[in-house]
Amino acid sequence: MEAMASGLPVIAPRWGGQLDFMNKNNSFLIDCTEVRVSDMDIAEQPVYAGQIWAEPSIEHLRSAMRTVARDRDRAATIGRIAAADVRENFSPTQVALILRAIMQEFQ
């Protein structure tokens, strides 16, 4: 979100919590496949047992990186849209309103 707020074009997986503020209009989202955590990873960190992770498409990532590198105008436009979205939806005032609404649900 910080990079987006700075107007930078952001590339990230189309999976997870960042989709609360990232979309196809304000970022370059990479297709993913859901995979179970490997036995090797579970052996290193047992807390990962039963989890599912995103495996980003390498080809889609390469394509997005090439687009950002080659089409500077499009990358800059996406960056401007991202910065505007973050300012509009996640300013300190907006975040305070979001938190207030969440807190009221628990009263």
C-alpha atoms as a PDB file:
ATOM      1  CA  MET A   1       0.000   0.000   0.000  1.00  0.00           C
ATOM      2  CA  GLU A   2       2.914   2.360   0.689  1.00  0.00           C
ATOM      3  CA  ALA A   3       4.255   1.864  -2.837  1.00  0.00           C
ATOM      4  CA  MET A   4       0.795   2.449  -4.242  1.00  0.00           C
ATOM      5  CA  ALA A   5       0.366   5.604  -2.152  1.00  0.00           C
ATOM      6  CA  SER A   6       3.660   6.807  -3.639  1.00  0.00           C
ATOM      7  CA  GLY A   7       2.306   6.331  -7.159  1.00  0.00           C
ATOM      8  CA  LEU A   8       4.478   3.352  -8.034  1.00  0.00           C
ATOM      9  CA  PRO A   9       3.105   0.568 -10.230  1.00  0.00           C
ATOM     10  CA  VAL A  10       2.730  -2.491  -7.987  1.00  0.00           C
ATOM     11  CA  ILE A  11       2.888  -6.154  -9.025  1.00  0.00           C
ATOM     12  CA  ALA A  12       1.462  -8.665  -6.534  1.00  0.00           C
ATOM     13  CA  PRO A  13      -0.328 -12.020  -6.393  1.00  0.00           C
ATOM     14  CA  ARG A  14      -4.060 -12.060  -7.077  1.00  0.00           C
ATOM     15  CA  TRP A  15      -4.512 -13.774  -3.725  1.00  0.00           C
ATOM     16  CA  GLY A  16      -4.628 -12.787  -0.088  1.00  0.00           C
ATOM     17  CA  GLY A  17      -5.312  -9.766   2.027  1.00  0.00           C
ATOM     18  CA  GLN A  18      -3.918  -7.202  -0.405  1.00  0.00           C
ATOM     19  CA  LEU A  19      -7.009  -7.758  -2.546  1.00  0.00           C
ATOM     20  CA  ASP A  20      -8.804  -5.581   0.015  1.00  0.00           C
ATOM     21  CA  PHE A  21      -7.112  -2.598  -1.636  1.00  0.00           C
ATOM     22  CA  MET A  22      -5.602  -3.884  -4.889  1.00  0.00           C
ATOM     23  CA  ASN A  23      -7.589  -4.551  -8.050  1.00  0.00           C
ATOM     24  CA  LYS A  24      -7.106  -4.870 -11.798  1.00  0.00           C
ATOM     25  CA  ASN A  25      -7.433  -1.102 -12.215  1.00  0.00           C
ATOM     26  CA  ASN A  26      -4.829   0.032  -9.684  1.00  0.00           C
ATOM     27  CA  SER A  27      -2.194  -2.701  -9.823  1.00  0.00           C
ATOM     28  CA  PHE A  28      -0.764  -5.569 -11.812  1.00  0.00           C
ATOM     29  CA  LEU A  29      -2.220  -8.715 -10.242  1.00  0.00           C
ATOM     30  CA  ILE A  30      -0.549 -12.040 -10.961  1.00  0.00           C
ATOM     31  CA  ASP A  31      -2.594 -15.202 -11.448  1.00  0.00           C
ATOM     32  CA  CYS A  32      -1.956 -17.906  -8.842  1.00  0.00           C
ATOM     33  CA  THR A  33      -2.711 -21.506  -8.134  1.00  0.00           C
ATOM     34  CA  GLU A  34      -3.563 -22.593  -4.607  1.00  0.00           C
ATOM     35  CA  VAL A  35      -1.178 -25.288  -3.340  1.00  0.00           C
ATOM     36  CA  ARG A  36      -0.826 -27.180  -0.101  1.00  0.00           C
ATOM     37  CA  VAL A  37       2.295 -26.399   1.886  1.00  0.00           C
ATOM     38  CA  SER A  38       4.970 -28.985   1.129  1.00  0.00           C
ATOM     39  CA  ASP A  39       6.038 -31.625   3.639  1.00  0.00           C
ATOM     40  CA  MET A  40       9.543 -30.126   3.578  1.00  0.00           C
ATOM     41  CA  ASP A  41       8.206 -26.707   4.605  1.00  0.00           C
ATOM     42  CA  ILE A  42       6.033 -28.284   7.296  1.00  0.00           C
ATOM     43  CA  ALA A  43       9.078 -30.157   8.629  1.00  0.00           C
ATOM     44  CA  GLU A  44      10.887 -26.815   8.996  1.00  0.00           C
ATOM     45  CA  GLN A  45       7.870 -24.965  10.383  1.00  0.00           C
ATOM     46  CA  PRO A  46       5.157 -27.284  11.751  1.00  0.00           C
ATOM     47  CA  VAL A  47       2.800 -24.329  12.130  1.00  0.00           C
ATOM     48  CA  TYR A  48       2.351 -24.464   8.313  1.00  0.00           C
ATOM     49  CA  ALA A  49       0.625 -27.878   8.484  1.00  0.00           C
ATOM     50  CA  GLY A  50      -2.735 -27.821   6.722  1.00  0.00           C
ATOM     51  CA  GLN A  51      -2.195 -24.394   5.169  1.00  0.00           C
ATOM     52  CA  ILE A  52      -2.698 -23.461   1.542  1.00  0.00           C
ATOM     53  CA  TRP A  53      -0.399 -21.005  -0.175  1.00  0.00           C
ATOM     54  CA  ALA A  54      -0.523 -19.199  -3.495  1.00  0.00           C
ATOM     55  CA  GLU A  55       1.872 -20.288  -6.229  1.00  0.00           C
ATOM     56  CA  PRO A  56       2.180 -17.311  -8.605  1.00  0.00           C
ATOM     57  CA  SER A  57       2.348 -17.913 -12.333  1.00  0.00           C
ATOM     58  CA  ILE A  58       5.937 -17.240 -13.384  1.00  0.00           C
ATOM     59  CA  GLU A  59       4.856 -16.520 -16.954  1.00  0.00           C
ATOM     60  CA  HIS A  60       2.234 -14.012 -15.827  1.00  0.00           C
ATOM     61  CA  LEU A  61       4.767 -12.374 -13.510  1.00  0.00           C
ATOM     62  CA  ARG A  62       7.268 -12.060 -16.371  1.00  0.00           C
ATOM     63  CA  SER A  63       4.574 -10.541 -18.572  1.00  0.00           C
ATOM     64  CA  ALA A  64       3.618  -7.970 -15.915  1.00  0.00           C
ATOM     65  CA  MET A  65       7.260  -7.051 -15.306  1.00  0.00           C
ATOM     66  CA  ARG A  66       7.815  -6.589 -19.028  1.00  0.00           C
ATOM     67  CA  THR A  67       4.726  -4.403 -19.266  1.00  0.00           C
ATOM     68  CA  VAL A  68       5.925  -2.164 -16.445  1.00  0.00           C
ATOM     69  CA  ALA A  69       9.407  -1.930 -17.950  1.00  0.00           C
ATOM     70  CA  ARG A  70       8.339  -1.371 -21.559  1.00  0.00           C
ATOM     71  CA  ASP A  71       5.065   0.547 -21.288  1.00  0.00           C
ATOM     72  CA  ARG A  72       6.056   3.373 -18.987  1.00  0.00           C
ATOM     73  CA  ASP A  73       2.910   5.365 -19.756  1.00  0.00           C
ATOM     74  CA  ARG A  74       0.622   2.507 -18.696  1.00  0.00           C
ATOM     75  CA  ALA A  75       2.715   1.831 -15.599  1.00  0.00           C
ATOM     76  CA  ALA A  76       2.566   5.518 -14.641  1.00  0.00           C
ATOM     77  CA  THR A  77      -1.205   5.588 -15.187  1.00  0.00           C
ATOM     78  CA  ILE A  78      -1.688   2.537 -12.970  1.00  0.00           C
ATOM     79  CA  GLY A  79       0.520   4.207 -10.351  1.00  0.00           C
ATOM     80  CA  ARG A  80      -1.557   7.402 -10.435  1.00  0.00           C
ATOM     81  CA  ILE A  81      -4.801   5.430 -10.102  1.00  0.00           C
ATOM     82  CA  ALA A  82      -3.328   3.481  -7.189  1.00  0.00           C
ATOM     83  CA  ALA A  83      -2.235   6.642  -5.384  1.00  0.00           C
ATOM     84  CA  ALA A  84      -5.678   8.187  -5.807  1.00  0.00           C
ATOM     85  CA  ASP A  85      -7.392   5.011  -4.556  1.00  0.00           C
ATOM     86  CA  VAL A  86      -5.196   4.853  -1.452  1.00  0.00           C
ATOM     87  CA  ARG A  87      -5.738   8.563  -0.691  1.00  0.00           C
ATOM     88  CA  GLU A  88      -9.496   8.256  -1.156  1.00  0.00           C
ATOM     89  CA  ASN A  89     -10.108   4.952   0.622  1.00  0.00           C
ATOM     90  CA  PHE A  90      -7.300   4.680   3.179  1.00  0.00           C
ATOM     91  CA  SER A  91      -6.588   8.180   4.411  1.00  0.00           C
ATOM     92  CA  PRO A  92      -6.274   8.503   8.192  1.00  0.00           C
ATOM     93  CA  THR A  93      -9.878   9.739   8.308  1.00  0.00           C
ATOM     94  CA  GLN A  94     -11.170   6.833   6.220  1.00  0.00           C
ATOM     95  CA  VAL A  95      -9.238   4.283   8.279  1.00  0.00           C
ATOM     96  CA  ALA A  96     -10.637   5.805  11.475  1.00  0.00           C
ATOM     97  CA  LEU A  97     -14.163   5.462  10.072  1.00  0.00           C
ATOM     98  CA  ILE A  98     -13.494   1.842   9.090  1.00  0.00           C
ATOM     99  CA  LEU A  99     -12.134   1.045  12.563  1.00  0.00           C
ATOM    100  CA  ARG A 100     -15.055   2.786  14.237  1.00  0.00           C
ATOM    101  CA  ALA A 101     -17.517   0.715  12.244  1.00  0.00           C
ATOM    102  CA  ILE A 102     -15.679  -2.491  13.166  1.00  0.00           C
ATOM    103  CA  MET A 103     -15.586  -1.540  16.842  1.00  0.00           C
ATOM    104  CA  GLN A 104     -19.314  -0.763  16.847  1.00  0.00           C
ATOM    105  CA  GLU A 105     -19.999  -4.303  15.664  1.00  0.00           C
ATOM    106  CA  PHE A 106     -18.522  -5.579  18.950  1.00  0.00           C
ATOM    107  CA  GLN A 107     -20.489  -3.305  21.286  1.00  0.00           C
END
